[in-house]
Amino acid sequence: MAGALRAQGVGDTAATLAARTGTTVMHVAFEQWVEDPDKSPFQQIARNALAQLREIASTG
């Protein structure tokens, strides 16, 4: 993922951060999805996880 971002002109640090963060969000969302008693769609859980990350990042 980082390599693809670099190929599109994204800087090394930003590409690494984006790739690792994306992987972490997917990992956390997958764990929640597997354990979800309501059987929510994975896409919904992943979007919620990303939204929480954005909120934390924007509020410091």
C-alpha atoms as a PDB file:
ATOM      1  CA  MET A   1       0.000   0.000   0.000  1.00  0.00           C
ATOM      2  CA  ALA A   2       2.782   2.421   0.925  1.00  0.00           C
ATOM      3  CA  GLY A   3       4.595   1.633  -2.305  1.00  0.00           C
ATOM      4  CA  ALA A   4       1.490   2.395  -4.360  1.00  0.00           C
ATOM      5  CA  LEU A   5       1.085   5.713  -2.558  1.00  0.00           C
ATOM      6  CA  ARG A   6       4.736   6.591  -3.147  1.00  0.00           C
ATOM      7  CA  ALA A   7       4.302   5.758  -6.838  1.00  0.00           C
ATOM      8  CA  GLN A   8       1.538   8.368  -6.917  1.00  0.00           C
ATOM      9  CA  GLY A   9       3.852  10.991  -5.470  1.00  0.00           C
ATOM     10  CA  VAL A  10       3.007  10.744  -1.779  1.00  0.00           C
ATOM     11  CA  GLY A  11       6.029  11.353   0.452  1.00  0.00           C
ATOM     12  CA  ASP A  12       7.690   8.499   2.324  1.00  0.00           C
ATOM     13  CA  THR A  13       6.466   9.400   5.799  1.00  0.00           C
ATOM     14  CA  ALA A  14       2.904  10.131   4.706  1.00  0.00           C
ATOM     15  CA  ALA A  15       2.752   6.930   2.642  1.00  0.00           C
ATOM     16  CA  THR A  16       3.982   4.838   5.549  1.00  0.00           C
ATOM     17  CA  LEU A  17       1.585   6.476   8.002  1.00  0.00           C
ATOM     18  CA  ALA A  18      -1.377   6.019   5.667  1.00  0.00           C
ATOM     19  CA  ALA A  19      -0.560   2.387   4.919  1.00  0.00           C
ATOM     20  CA  ARG A  20      -0.021   1.400   8.533  1.00  0.00           C
ATOM     21  CA  THR A  21      -3.034   3.328   9.761  1.00  0.00           C
ATOM     22  CA  GLY A  22      -5.240   1.767   7.110  1.00  0.00           C
ATOM     23  CA  THR A  23      -4.033  -1.686   8.055  1.00  0.00           C
ATOM     24  CA  THR A  24      -4.706  -1.024  11.728  1.00  0.00           C
ATOM     25  CA  VAL A  25      -8.217   0.296  11.067  1.00  0.00           C
ATOM     26  CA  MET A  26      -9.002  -2.804   9.017  1.00  0.00           C
ATOM     27  CA  HIS A  27      -7.607  -5.096  11.731  1.00  0.00           C
ATOM     28  CA  VAL A  28      -9.621  -3.427  14.501  1.00  0.00           C
ATOM     29  CA  ALA A  29     -12.772  -3.397  12.384  1.00  0.00           C
ATOM     30  CA  PHE A  30     -12.346  -7.067  11.502  1.00  0.00           C
ATOM     31  CA  GLU A  31     -12.059  -8.036  15.167  1.00  0.00           C
ATOM     32  CA  GLN A  32     -15.192  -6.053  15.983  1.00  0.00           C
ATOM     33  CA  TRP A  33     -17.052  -7.550  13.030  1.00  0.00           C
ATOM     34  CA  VAL A  34     -16.212 -11.124  14.012  1.00  0.00           C
ATOM     35  CA  GLU A  35     -17.372 -10.506  17.577  1.00  0.00           C
ATOM     36  CA  ASP A  36     -20.437  -8.383  16.717  1.00  0.00           C
ATOM     37  CA  PRO A  37     -23.576 -10.063  18.114  1.00  0.00           C
ATOM     38  CA  ASP A  38     -25.755  -7.917  15.811  1.00  0.00           C
ATOM     39  CA  LYS A  39     -23.885  -9.119  12.701  1.00  0.00           C
ATOM     40  CA  SER A  40     -23.525  -5.587  11.348  1.00  0.00           C
ATOM     41  CA  PRO A  41     -22.029  -5.305   7.860  1.00  0.00           C
ATOM     42  CA  PHE A  42     -18.230  -5.128   7.868  1.00  0.00           C
ATOM     43  CA  GLN A  43     -18.293  -1.939   5.806  1.00  0.00           C
ATOM     44  CA  GLN A  44     -20.362  -0.196   8.482  1.00  0.00           C
ATOM     45  CA  ILE A  45     -18.036  -1.280  11.267  1.00  0.00           C
ATOM     46  CA  ALA A  46     -14.955  -0.222   9.291  1.00  0.00           C
ATOM     47  CA  ARG A  47     -16.473   3.188   8.541  1.00  0.00           C
ATOM     48  CA  ASN A  48     -17.307   3.658  12.207  1.00  0.00           C
ATOM     49  CA  ALA A  49     -13.752   2.766  13.229  1.00  0.00           C
ATOM     50  CA  LEU A  50     -12.335   5.221  10.700  1.00  0.00           C
ATOM     51  CA  ALA A  51     -14.746   7.917  11.865  1.00  0.00           C
ATOM     52  CA  GLN A  52     -13.569   7.436  15.445  1.00  0.00           C
ATOM     53  CA  LEU A  53      -9.953   7.740  14.327  1.00  0.00           C
ATOM     54  CA  ARG A  54     -10.747  10.942  12.425  1.00  0.00           C
ATOM     55  CA  GLU A  55     -12.478  12.376  15.473  1.00  0.00           C
ATOM     56  CA  ILE A  56      -9.521  11.608  17.715  1.00  0.00           C
ATOM     57  CA  ALA A  57      -7.053  13.007  15.191  1.00  0.00           C
ATOM     58  CA  SER A  58      -9.012  16.225  14.692  1.00  0.00           C
ATOM     59  CA  THR A  59      -9.502  16.974  18.388  1.00  0.00           C
ATOM     60  CA  GLY A  60      -5.961  16.251  19.411  1.00  0.00           C
END
